[in-house]
Structure formats: C-alpha cells, structure tokens
Amino acid sequence: MTLQKRIWDLIVLAIFVFAAAFVSAPWFAFRALKAAAQYEDVQAIGELVDFPAVRSGLTAQLVADAPAAKPEAPSIWRDPMGVFKKAVEPLAPPEPKVDRYLTVSGFNALTRGYPPGAAPTEPSSGEAFKRAIKGPHPTIVYWDPNRVRIAVGRPEARRKTTVFTFERRALFTWKLVHIRLPADERQG
C-alpha cells in the first residue's frame, strides 16, 4: 500500500467518524441530561437545559383554556358585592405549577418516563438491569441538523410519551429547549 492510499483512507475514516459524532451528539446530550438528573448534578443540568424556553413551553401546556367570552364586569348598581370581590381578587391568574417539572427530581422522573413525583425509587443493580432490558427505551422520533426530538414512553402505558426537543447551539453542543407532555397531562 502506498502512502497516498493510506492518507486517503485516513481522510475517509475521519469523515465517517465526524459524521457519526455529529449525528449521535443529541443522543449523548439526552443521556447526559438523564445521568445528571440521576446523580443530582445541578451544574450539568444548567448547562444542558435552556430553562426560559422549557419553562415557557411547559407553561403553555399547563395553562387551562381561557373562556371564549369573558363575562361582563359587575356594575356597582346591579352587583355591589361582585364589584368588591373583583377589586379584591388578584389581577393576573396564578402561574401554573411548572416548577415540579424543572427540578432535579422532575428531570429524573421525566427522562425515565414517569411524571414528576410518580417515579419509583432507584432500583438495586439487578433490578436496574432487568428494567433496562425490559424498557421503555428512548427513541429518536425526529432528526434534522439543528433540532432533534427524543420520545420516552411510560413504563406502565407505552402509548403515553414525553418528547424532549433538543436544539443545536454549536457544532456538537445541544440544549433541551422544549418538553411535550402526554396529552392527558396537558391542560391547554
């Protein structure tokens, strides 16, 4: 084999390694998020998650539908107590409870396929191996060069899936920007 042939083989190999690393980088970002949540690494979670984007996406999913037509404001002549109640009640509706999703335990439960607060305790090593074989396994449901969606099914109900959307920020840097909850957990 000549030196030129070996150099050409190394160039082709480097291109394949680069392409494989580029394609699999979002999968490794999801695995890193899952491991950081499991081991309670807050700094790593902070580097992997775009919290303002994820919070706004979850808030939009958890807000109950607004009524189609607002009722008429009470009149002091027809309903004096209604006017008093309207003056005392807060002006803005309370924020939905998205904080339970954005905690370390919330991310740990979501990446394992459970809703926050419903995940079982960490199993022993033998039980963890059985669960890893049994599933559910995260699957890539959408991939393009700048955005990837990874779905995680519920262990007890495979049709309910939580979808994590990662966005590319640099060549090999991916951040979580959206979490889509199963339909029965969404309010809106």
N, C-alpha and C. Protein backbone atom coordinates (compact mmCIF):
# COMPACT_ATOMS: atom_id res chain seq x y z
N MET A 1 0.84 -1.18 0.00
CA MET A 1 0.00 0.00 0.00
C MET A 1 0.89 1.25 0.00
N THR A 2 0.51 2.18 -0.79
CA THR A 2 1.31 3.40 -0.88
C THR A 2 0.89 4.38 0.20
N LEU A 3 1.74 5.34 0.41
CA LEU A 3 1.47 6.36 1.43
C LEU A 3 0.25 7.19 1.06
N GLN A 4 0.09 7.47 -0.22
CA GLN A 4 -1.06 8.26 -0.68
C GLN A 4 -2.37 7.51 -0.40
N LYS A 5 -2.39 6.21 -0.60
CA LYS A 5 -3.58 5.40 -0.32
C LYS A 5 -3.90 5.40 1.17
N ARG A 6 -2.90 5.31 2.01
CA ARG A 6 -3.12 5.33 3.47
C ARG A 6 -3.66 6.69 3.93
N ILE A 7 -3.14 7.74 3.39
CA ILE A 7 -3.63 9.08 3.75
C ILE A 7 -5.09 9.23 3.32
N TRP A 8 -5.40 8.76 2.10
CA TRP A 8 -6.78 8.82 1.62
C TRP A 8 -7.70 8.01 2.54
N ASP A 9 -7.28 6.83 2.96
CA ASP A 9 -8.08 6.00 3.89
C ASP A 9 -8.29 6.72 5.22
N LEU A 10 -7.27 7.39 5.73
CA LEU A 10 -7.41 8.15 6.99
C LEU A 10 -8.39 9.32 6.84
N ILE A 11 -8.37 9.97 5.69
CA ILE A 11 -9.29 11.09 5.45
C ILE A 11 -10.73 10.57 5.41
N VAL A 12 -10.96 9.48 4.71
CA VAL A 12 -12.31 8.89 4.63
C VAL A 12 -12.77 8.44 6.02
N LEU A 13 -11.88 7.81 6.77
CA LEU A 13 -12.21 7.39 8.14
C LEU A 13 -12.55 8.59 9.02
N ALA A 14 -11.78 9.67 8.90
CA ALA A 14 -12.05 10.88 9.68
C ALA A 14 -13.42 11.47 9.33
N ILE A 15 -13.79 11.45 8.06
CA ILE A 15 -15.10 11.96 7.64
C ILE A 15 -16.21 11.12 8.25
N PHE A 16 -16.07 9.80 8.22
CA PHE A 16 -17.08 8.92 8.82
C PHE A 16 -17.18 9.10 10.33
N VAL A 17 -16.06 9.26 11.01
CA VAL A 17 -16.08 9.48 12.46
C VAL A 17 -16.75 10.81 12.77
N PHE A 18 -16.43 11.85 12.02
CA PHE A 18 -17.05 13.15 12.22
C PHE A 18 -18.56 13.08 12.00
N ALA A 19 -19.00 12.41 10.93
CA ALA A 19 -20.43 12.30 10.64
C ALA A 19 -21.14 11.50 11.73
N ALA A 20 -20.55 10.42 12.19
CA ALA A 20 -21.16 9.63 13.26
C ALA A 20 -21.26 10.43 14.55
N ALA A 21 -20.24 11.19 14.87
CA ALA A 21 -20.27 12.01 16.09
C ALA A 21 -21.31 13.12 15.96
N PHE A 22 -21.43 13.72 14.79
CA PHE A 22 -22.40 14.80 14.57
C PHE A 22 -23.84 14.28 14.69
N VAL A 23 -24.09 13.10 14.12
CA VAL A 23 -25.44 12.53 14.13
C VAL A 23 -25.81 12.05 15.54
N SER A 24 -24.86 11.50 16.27
CA SER A 24 -25.18 10.95 17.59
C SER A 24 -25.06 11.94 18.73
N ALA A 25 -24.62 13.16 18.49
CA ALA A 25 -24.43 14.15 19.56
C ALA A 25 -25.71 14.44 20.34
N PRO A 26 -26.90 14.58 19.73
CA PRO A 26 -28.10 14.83 20.53
C PRO A 26 -28.45 13.65 21.43
N TRP A 27 -28.19 12.45 20.97
CA TRP A 27 -28.45 11.28 21.80
C TRP A 27 -27.57 11.32 23.06
N PHE A 28 -26.31 11.72 22.87
CA PHE A 28 -25.42 11.83 24.03
C PHE A 28 -25.84 12.98 24.94
N ALA A 29 -26.42 14.05 24.38
CA ALA A 29 -26.93 15.14 25.21
C ALA A 29 -28.09 14.66 26.08
N PHE A 30 -28.98 13.84 25.50
CA PHE A 30 -30.09 13.29 26.30
C PHE A 30 -29.56 12.37 27.40
N ARG A 31 -28.61 11.53 27.05
CA ARG A 31 -28.02 10.62 28.05
C ARG A 31 -27.31 11.42 29.15
N ALA A 32 -26.67 12.51 28.79
CA ALA A 32 -26.01 13.36 29.78
C ALA A 32 -27.03 14.01 30.70
N LEU A 33 -28.17 14.46 30.15
CA LEU A 33 -29.23 15.03 30.97
C LEU A 33 -29.79 13.99 31.94
N LYS A 34 -30.01 12.79 31.44
CA LYS A 34 -30.53 11.71 32.28
C LYS A 34 -29.55 11.37 33.41
N ALA A 35 -28.27 11.28 33.09
CA ALA A 35 -27.27 10.97 34.11
C ALA A 35 -27.11 12.11 35.11
N ALA A 36 -27.16 13.34 34.62
CA ALA A 36 -27.04 14.49 35.53
C ALA A 36 -28.22 14.54 36.50
N ALA A 37 -29.41 14.22 36.02
CA ALA A 37 -30.58 14.21 36.90
C ALA A 37 -30.50 13.05 37.89
N GLN A 38 -30.01 11.92 37.44
CA GLN A 38 -29.91 10.75 38.32
C GLN A 38 -28.91 11.01 39.45
N TYR A 39 -27.81 11.67 39.13
CA TYR A 39 -26.76 11.90 40.13
C TYR A 39 -26.84 13.30 40.75
N GLU A 40 -27.95 14.01 40.48
CA GLU A 40 -28.24 15.32 41.07
C GLU A 40 -27.13 16.34 40.82
N ASP A 41 -26.66 16.38 39.59
CA ASP A 41 -25.63 17.33 39.18
C ASP A 41 -26.31 18.58 38.62
N VAL A 42 -26.53 19.54 39.49
CA VAL A 42 -27.28 20.75 39.13
C VAL A 42 -26.54 21.57 38.09
N GLN A 43 -25.22 21.66 38.19
CA GLN A 43 -24.46 22.45 37.23
C GLN A 43 -24.56 21.85 35.83
N ALA A 44 -24.49 20.54 35.72
CA ALA A 44 -24.61 19.91 34.40
C ALA A 44 -26.00 20.11 33.82
N ILE A 45 -27.03 20.02 34.65
CA ILE A 45 -28.39 20.26 34.17
C ILE A 45 -28.52 21.70 33.68
N GLY A 46 -27.92 22.63 34.40
CA GLY A 46 -27.95 24.03 33.98
C GLY A 46 -27.28 24.26 32.64
N GLU A 47 -26.25 23.48 32.33
CA GLU A 47 -25.57 23.61 31.04
C GLU A 47 -26.33 22.93 29.91
N LEU A 48 -27.16 21.95 30.23
CA LEU A 48 -27.86 21.18 29.20
C LEU A 48 -29.26 21.67 28.89
N VAL A 49 -29.82 22.55 29.75
CA VAL A 49 -31.22 22.95 29.62
C VAL A 49 -31.30 24.46 29.43
N ASP A 50 -32.10 24.89 28.45
CA ASP A 50 -32.43 26.30 28.28
C ASP A 50 -33.70 26.54 29.10
N PHE A 51 -33.53 26.92 30.37
CA PHE A 51 -34.66 27.00 31.29
C PHE A 51 -35.76 27.96 30.86
N PRO A 52 -35.45 29.18 30.37
CA PRO A 52 -36.56 30.05 29.93
C PRO A 52 -37.41 29.44 28.82
N ALA A 53 -36.78 28.78 27.85
CA ALA A 53 -37.54 28.17 26.76
C ALA A 53 -38.37 26.99 27.24
N VAL A 54 -37.79 26.14 28.09
CA VAL A 54 -38.52 24.98 28.60
C VAL A 54 -39.67 25.44 29.50
N ARG A 55 -39.42 26.45 30.34
CA ARG A 55 -40.48 26.97 31.22
C ARG A 55 -41.64 27.54 30.42
N SER A 56 -41.36 28.31 29.38
CA SER A 56 -42.46 28.88 28.59
C SER A 56 -43.23 27.80 27.86
N GLY A 57 -42.54 26.77 27.38
CA GLY A 57 -43.23 25.67 26.70
C GLY A 57 -44.12 24.88 27.65
N LEU A 58 -43.62 24.60 28.85
CA LEU A 58 -44.44 23.88 29.83
C LEU A 58 -45.59 24.74 30.33
N THR A 59 -45.35 26.04 30.51
CA THR A 59 -46.42 26.93 30.96
C THR A 59 -47.56 26.94 29.94
N ALA A 60 -47.21 26.98 28.66
CA ALA A 60 -48.25 26.98 27.62
C ALA A 60 -49.05 25.68 27.64
N GLN A 61 -48.41 24.57 28.00
CA GLN A 61 -49.13 23.30 28.03
C GLN A 61 -49.99 23.14 29.28
N LEU A 62 -49.58 23.75 30.37
CA LEU A 62 -50.28 23.53 31.63
C LEU A 62 -51.34 24.58 31.95
N VAL A 63 -51.46 25.61 31.13
CA VAL A 63 -52.48 26.64 31.35
C VAL A 63 -53.82 26.12 30.86
N ALA A 64 -54.83 26.25 31.70
CA ALA A 64 -56.18 25.85 31.29
C ALA A 64 -56.68 26.80 30.22
N ASP A 65 -57.52 26.29 29.34
CA ASP A 65 -58.06 27.11 28.27
C ASP A 65 -58.80 28.32 28.84
N ALA A 66 -58.56 29.48 28.24
CA ALA A 66 -59.26 30.69 28.65
C ALA A 66 -60.70 30.62 28.14
N PRO A 67 -61.65 31.17 28.87
CA PRO A 67 -63.02 31.15 28.38
C PRO A 67 -63.13 31.93 27.07
N ALA A 68 -64.05 31.49 26.21
CA ALA A 68 -64.20 32.11 24.90
C ALA A 68 -64.66 33.56 25.02
N ALA A 69 -65.63 33.80 25.88
CA ALA A 69 -66.12 35.16 26.07
C ALA A 69 -66.08 35.48 27.55
N LYS A 70 -65.43 36.60 27.88
CA LYS A 70 -65.35 36.98 29.29
C LYS A 70 -66.71 37.51 29.74
N PRO A 71 -67.09 37.19 30.95
CA PRO A 71 -68.36 37.74 31.43
C PRO A 71 -68.26 39.25 31.62
N GLU A 72 -69.40 39.87 31.57
CA GLU A 72 -69.46 41.32 31.72
C GLU A 72 -69.00 41.71 33.13
N ALA A 73 -68.25 42.78 33.21
CA ALA A 73 -67.77 43.25 34.52
C ALA A 73 -68.97 43.66 35.38
N PRO A 74 -68.92 43.37 36.68
CA PRO A 74 -70.05 43.71 37.54
C PRO A 74 -70.23 45.23 37.67
N SER A 75 -71.45 45.62 37.81
CA SER A 75 -71.79 47.03 37.96
C SER A 75 -72.05 47.32 39.43
N ILE A 76 -71.66 48.49 39.87
CA ILE A 76 -71.89 48.85 41.28
C ILE A 76 -73.38 48.98 41.59
N TRP A 77 -74.20 49.26 40.57
CA TRP A 77 -75.63 49.41 40.79
C TRP A 77 -76.36 48.06 40.79
N ARG A 78 -75.88 47.12 40.00
CA ARG A 78 -76.55 45.82 39.94
C ARG A 78 -75.95 44.79 40.88
N ASP A 79 -74.64 44.83 41.08
CA ASP A 79 -73.96 43.81 41.88
C ASP A 79 -72.83 44.46 42.69
N PRO A 80 -73.17 45.14 43.80
CA PRO A 80 -72.12 45.81 44.58
C PRO A 80 -71.12 44.83 45.19
N MET A 81 -71.57 43.65 45.62
CA MET A 81 -70.64 42.67 46.19
C MET A 81 -69.70 42.11 45.11
N GLY A 82 -70.19 41.96 43.87
CA GLY A 82 -69.35 41.50 42.77
C GLY A 82 -68.24 42.49 42.47
N VAL A 83 -68.55 43.78 42.55
CA VAL A 83 -67.54 44.82 42.34
C VAL A 83 -66.48 44.72 43.43
N PHE A 84 -66.90 44.50 44.68
CA PHE A 84 -65.96 44.39 45.79
C PHE A 84 -65.07 43.15 45.61
N LYS A 85 -65.65 42.03 45.22
CA LYS A 85 -64.87 40.81 45.00
C LYS A 85 -63.87 41.00 43.87
N LYS A 86 -64.30 41.66 42.80
CA LYS A 86 -63.41 41.90 41.67
C LYS A 86 -62.25 42.80 42.07
N ALA A 87 -62.50 43.77 42.95
CA ALA A 87 -61.44 44.68 43.39
C ALA A 87 -60.44 43.97 44.29
N VAL A 88 -60.88 42.97 45.02
CA VAL A 88 -60.00 42.29 45.97
C VAL A 88 -59.21 41.17 45.31
N GLU A 89 -59.76 40.50 44.31
CA GLU A 89 -59.07 39.35 43.71
C GLU A 89 -57.85 39.81 42.94
N PRO A 90 -56.87 38.93 42.78
CA PRO A 90 -55.65 39.33 42.05
C PRO A 90 -55.97 39.60 40.58
N LEU A 91 -55.17 40.49 39.97
CA LEU A 91 -55.41 40.88 38.59
C LEU A 91 -54.99 39.80 37.60
N ALA A 92 -53.86 39.18 37.84
CA ALA A 92 -53.36 38.16 36.92
C ALA A 92 -53.63 36.77 37.50
N PRO A 93 -53.92 35.81 36.64
CA PRO A 93 -54.11 34.45 37.16
C PRO A 93 -52.79 33.91 37.68
N PRO A 94 -52.83 33.02 38.64
CA PRO A 94 -51.58 32.47 39.17
C PRO A 94 -50.85 31.65 38.11
N GLU A 95 -49.54 31.64 38.20
CA GLU A 95 -48.73 30.87 37.27
C GLU A 95 -48.98 29.39 37.46
N PRO A 96 -48.97 28.62 36.39
CA PRO A 96 -49.14 27.17 36.55
C PRO A 96 -47.95 26.57 37.28
N LYS A 97 -48.14 25.42 37.80
CA LYS A 97 -47.12 24.76 38.62
C LYS A 97 -46.13 24.00 37.73
N VAL A 98 -45.24 24.74 37.06
CA VAL A 98 -44.24 24.09 36.23
C VAL A 98 -42.97 23.78 37.01
N ASP A 99 -42.87 24.32 38.21
CA ASP A 99 -41.63 24.14 38.97
C ASP A 99 -41.34 22.68 39.28
N ARG A 100 -42.37 21.86 39.45
CA ARG A 100 -42.12 20.45 39.76
C ARG A 100 -41.50 19.73 38.58
N TYR A 101 -41.67 20.23 37.37
CA TYR A 101 -41.05 19.63 36.19
C TYR A 101 -39.60 20.07 36.04
N LEU A 102 -39.25 21.24 36.55
CA LEU A 102 -37.92 21.83 36.33
C LEU A 102 -36.98 21.62 37.50
N THR A 103 -37.23 20.65 38.34
CA THR A 103 -36.33 20.31 39.44
C THR A 103 -35.49 19.11 39.04
N VAL A 104 -34.49 18.81 39.85
CA VAL A 104 -33.65 17.65 39.58
C VAL A 104 -34.50 16.38 39.60
N SER A 105 -35.36 16.24 40.59
CA SER A 105 -36.21 15.05 40.66
C SER A 105 -37.22 15.03 39.51
N GLY A 106 -37.68 16.20 39.06
CA GLY A 106 -38.59 16.26 37.92
C GLY A 106 -37.92 15.79 36.64
N PHE A 107 -36.69 16.26 36.39
CA PHE A 107 -35.96 15.80 35.21
C PHE A 107 -35.64 14.32 35.31
N ASN A 108 -35.31 13.85 36.52
CA ASN A 108 -35.01 12.43 36.71
C ASN A 108 -36.23 11.59 36.36
N ALA A 109 -37.39 11.99 36.82
CA ALA A 109 -38.61 11.24 36.53
C ALA A 109 -38.97 11.31 35.05
N LEU A 110 -38.89 12.51 34.45
CA LEU A 110 -39.26 12.66 33.04
C LEU A 110 -38.35 11.87 32.11
N THR A 111 -37.04 11.87 32.37
CA THR A 111 -36.12 11.15 31.49
C THR A 111 -36.26 9.64 31.65
N ARG A 112 -36.86 9.19 32.74
CA ARG A 112 -37.11 7.76 32.92
C ARG A 112 -38.51 7.37 32.45
N GLY A 113 -39.33 8.35 32.05
CA GLY A 113 -40.65 8.06 31.51
C GLY A 113 -41.79 8.27 32.47
N TYR A 114 -41.54 8.78 33.65
CA TYR A 114 -42.58 8.98 34.65
C TYR A 114 -42.94 10.46 34.78
N PRO A 115 -44.14 10.75 35.28
CA PRO A 115 -44.44 12.15 35.60
C PRO A 115 -43.71 12.54 36.89
N PRO A 116 -43.47 13.82 37.12
CA PRO A 116 -42.77 14.22 38.34
C PRO A 116 -43.52 13.76 39.59
N GLY A 117 -42.78 13.19 40.51
CA GLY A 117 -43.36 12.73 41.77
C GLY A 117 -43.91 11.32 41.71
N ALA A 118 -43.96 10.68 40.55
CA ALA A 118 -44.54 9.35 40.43
C ALA A 118 -43.50 8.28 40.14
N ALA A 119 -42.25 8.66 40.02
CA ALA A 119 -41.21 7.69 39.70
C ALA A 119 -40.89 6.84 40.92
N PRO A 120 -40.69 5.54 40.72
CA PRO A 120 -40.29 4.70 41.84
C PRO A 120 -38.86 5.02 42.26
N THR A 121 -38.49 4.58 43.43
CA THR A 121 -37.13 4.81 43.91
C THR A 121 -36.14 4.09 43.01
N GLU A 122 -34.89 4.50 43.10
CA GLU A 122 -33.86 3.87 42.27
C GLU A 122 -33.73 2.40 42.66
N PRO A 123 -33.80 1.51 41.68
CA PRO A 123 -33.76 0.08 41.98
C PRO A 123 -32.33 -0.39 42.29
N SER A 124 -32.24 -1.61 42.81
CA SER A 124 -30.93 -2.23 43.01
C SER A 124 -30.31 -2.52 41.65
N SER A 125 -29.04 -2.90 41.63
CA SER A 125 -28.35 -3.08 40.35
C SER A 125 -28.98 -4.21 39.53
N GLY A 126 -29.40 -5.29 40.17
CA GLY A 126 -30.05 -6.38 39.43
C GLY A 126 -31.38 -5.97 38.86
N GLU A 127 -32.17 -5.26 39.65
CA GLU A 127 -33.47 -4.77 39.19
C GLU A 127 -33.28 -3.71 38.10
N ALA A 128 -32.26 -2.87 38.22
CA ALA A 128 -31.99 -1.85 37.20
C ALA A 128 -31.64 -2.51 35.87
N PHE A 129 -30.90 -3.61 35.91
CA PHE A 129 -30.54 -4.32 34.68
C PHE A 129 -31.80 -4.90 34.02
N LYS A 130 -32.70 -5.46 34.82
CA LYS A 130 -33.94 -6.02 34.28
C LYS A 130 -34.80 -4.92 33.66
N ARG A 131 -34.88 -3.76 34.32
CA ARG A 131 -35.67 -2.64 33.77
C ARG A 131 -35.04 -2.10 32.50
N ALA A 132 -33.70 -2.09 32.46
CA ALA A 132 -33.02 -1.58 31.26
C ALA A 132 -33.29 -2.49 30.06
N ILE A 133 -33.35 -3.78 30.29
CA ILE A 133 -33.64 -4.70 29.20
C ILE A 133 -35.10 -4.61 28.78
N LYS A 134 -36.00 -4.51 29.78
CA LYS A 134 -37.44 -4.50 29.52
C LYS A 134 -37.88 -3.22 28.81
N GLY A 135 -37.29 -2.10 29.16
CA GLY A 135 -37.66 -0.82 28.53
C GLY A 135 -38.57 -0.01 29.42
N PRO A 136 -39.16 1.01 28.95
CA PRO A 136 -39.15 1.53 27.58
C PRO A 136 -37.82 2.23 27.27
N HIS A 137 -37.48 2.22 26.01
CA HIS A 137 -36.23 2.82 25.58
C HIS A 137 -36.52 4.14 24.87
N PRO A 138 -35.72 5.16 25.12
CA PRO A 138 -35.91 6.42 24.39
C PRO A 138 -35.65 6.21 22.90
N THR A 139 -36.46 6.85 22.10
CA THR A 139 -36.31 6.72 20.65
C THR A 139 -36.27 8.11 20.01
N ILE A 140 -35.50 8.22 18.96
CA ILE A 140 -35.45 9.47 18.21
C ILE A 140 -36.63 9.47 17.25
N VAL A 141 -37.54 10.42 17.43
CA VAL A 141 -38.73 10.48 16.57
C VAL A 141 -38.58 11.52 15.46
N TYR A 142 -37.60 12.41 15.59
CA TYR A 142 -37.36 13.41 14.55
C TYR A 142 -35.90 13.84 14.65
N TRP A 143 -35.24 13.95 13.51
CA TRP A 143 -33.86 14.41 13.49
C TRP A 143 -33.64 15.29 12.28
N ASP A 144 -33.07 16.45 12.51
CA ASP A 144 -32.52 17.25 11.43
C ASP A 144 -31.25 17.89 11.96
N PRO A 145 -30.46 18.55 11.14
CA PRO A 145 -29.16 19.04 11.63
C PRO A 145 -29.24 20.04 12.78
N ASN A 146 -30.39 20.68 13.01
CA ASN A 146 -30.47 21.68 14.07
C ASN A 146 -31.46 21.35 15.18
N ARG A 147 -32.29 20.35 15.02
CA ARG A 147 -33.32 20.04 16.02
C ARG A 147 -33.57 18.54 16.05
N VAL A 148 -33.67 17.99 17.26
CA VAL A 148 -33.91 16.56 17.44
C VAL A 148 -34.98 16.38 18.52
N ARG A 149 -35.89 15.44 18.28
CA ARG A 149 -36.92 15.11 19.27
C ARG A 149 -36.72 13.66 19.69
N ILE A 150 -36.64 13.47 21.02
CA ILE A 150 -36.45 12.14 21.59
C ILE A 150 -37.66 11.84 22.46
N ALA A 151 -38.33 10.72 22.18
CA ALA A 151 -39.54 10.33 22.91
C ALA A 151 -39.21 9.25 23.93
N VAL A 152 -39.80 9.41 25.12
CA VAL A 152 -39.65 8.42 26.19
C VAL A 152 -41.06 7.98 26.58
N GLY A 153 -41.33 6.69 26.46
CA GLY A 153 -42.64 6.15 26.80
C GLY A 153 -42.75 5.84 28.28
N ARG A 154 -43.97 5.82 28.77
CA ARG A 154 -44.22 5.45 30.17
C ARG A 154 -44.05 3.95 30.33
N PRO A 155 -43.41 3.50 31.39
CA PRO A 155 -43.25 2.05 31.59
C PRO A 155 -44.59 1.32 31.72
N GLU A 156 -45.59 1.94 32.35
CA GLU A 156 -46.87 1.25 32.55
C GLU A 156 -47.84 1.52 31.41
N ALA A 157 -47.63 2.54 30.62
CA ALA A 157 -48.52 2.88 29.50
C ALA A 157 -47.66 3.35 28.34
N ARG A 158 -47.32 2.44 27.45
CA ARG A 158 -46.38 2.74 26.37
C ARG A 158 -46.90 3.79 25.39
N ARG A 159 -48.21 3.97 25.31
CA ARG A 159 -48.76 4.95 24.36
C ARG A 159 -48.57 6.38 24.85
N LYS A 160 -48.37 6.57 26.15
CA LYS A 160 -48.11 7.91 26.69
C LYS A 160 -46.61 8.18 26.57
N THR A 161 -46.27 9.23 25.85
CA THR A 161 -44.87 9.55 25.66
C THR A 161 -44.60 11.00 26.01
N THR A 162 -43.43 11.22 26.56
CA THR A 162 -42.91 12.56 26.80
C THR A 162 -41.84 12.80 25.74
N VAL A 163 -41.92 13.93 25.05
CA VAL A 163 -41.00 14.21 23.95
C VAL A 163 -40.08 15.37 24.36
N PHE A 164 -38.79 15.12 24.29
CA PHE A 164 -37.77 16.12 24.59
C PHE A 164 -37.24 16.67 23.27
N THR A 165 -37.23 17.99 23.13
CA THR A 165 -36.71 18.62 21.92
C THR A 165 -35.38 19.30 22.23
N PHE A 166 -34.35 18.88 21.52
CA PHE A 166 -33.02 19.46 21.68
C PHE A 166 -32.70 20.29 20.45
N GLU A 167 -32.01 21.41 20.69
CA GLU A 167 -31.62 22.31 19.60
C GLU A 167 -30.11 22.46 19.60
N ARG A 168 -29.54 22.47 18.40
CA ARG A 168 -28.09 22.60 18.29
C ARG A 168 -27.70 24.05 18.52
N ARG A 169 -26.72 24.28 19.41
CA ARG A 169 -26.24 25.64 19.69
C ARG A 169 -24.84 25.86 19.14
N ALA A 170 -24.06 24.81 18.99
CA ALA A 170 -22.73 24.86 18.38
C ALA A 170 -22.57 23.54 17.62
N LEU A 171 -21.39 23.30 17.09
CA LEU A 171 -21.21 22.12 16.25
C LEU A 171 -21.62 20.83 16.96
N PHE A 172 -21.18 20.64 18.20
CA PHE A 172 -21.52 19.44 18.94
C PHE A 172 -22.24 19.75 20.25
N THR A 173 -22.77 20.95 20.41
CA THR A 173 -23.44 21.36 21.65
C THR A 173 -24.95 21.40 21.40
N TRP A 174 -25.70 20.64 22.20
CA TRP A 174 -27.16 20.57 22.09
C TRP A 174 -27.77 20.94 23.43
N LYS A 175 -28.88 21.69 23.40
CA LYS A 175 -29.58 22.09 24.62
C LYS A 175 -31.04 21.69 24.53
N LEU A 176 -31.59 21.31 25.67
CA LEU A 176 -33.01 21.00 25.76
C LEU A 176 -33.78 22.31 25.70
N VAL A 177 -34.72 22.44 24.75
CA VAL A 177 -35.48 23.68 24.61
C VAL A 177 -36.98 23.48 24.79
N HIS A 178 -37.47 22.23 24.80
CA HIS A 178 -38.90 22.01 24.94
C HIS A 178 -39.16 20.60 25.44
N ILE A 179 -40.20 20.48 26.26
CA ILE A 179 -40.68 19.18 26.71
C ILE A 179 -42.16 19.13 26.40
N ARG A 180 -42.59 18.15 25.60
CA ARG A 180 -44.01 17.96 25.32
C ARG A 180 -44.52 16.82 26.19
N LEU A 181 -45.49 17.14 27.01
CA LEU A 181 -46.07 16.17 27.94
C LEU A 181 -47.10 15.31 27.22
N PRO A 182 -47.42 14.13 27.78
CA PRO A 182 -48.51 13.33 27.21
C PRO A 182 -49.82 14.12 27.21
N ALA A 183 -50.70 13.78 26.31
CA ALA A 183 -51.94 14.54 26.11
C ALA A 183 -52.79 14.65 27.36
N ASP A 184 -52.83 13.61 28.17
CA ASP A 184 -53.71 13.65 29.35
C ASP A 184 -53.15 14.53 30.47
N GLU A 185 -51.88 14.92 30.40
CA GLU A 185 -51.30 15.80 31.41
C GLU A 185 -51.39 17.27 31.02
N ARG A 186 -51.65 17.54 29.73
CA ARG A 186 -51.72 18.93 29.27
C ARG A 186 -53.11 19.48 29.55
N GLN A 187 -53.15 20.73 29.94
CA GLN A 187 -54.43 21.40 30.23
C GLN A 187 -54.98 22.11 29.01
N GLY A 188 -54.08 22.74 28.25
CA GLY A 188 -54.49 23.60 27.16
C GLY A 188 -54.67 22.89 25.87
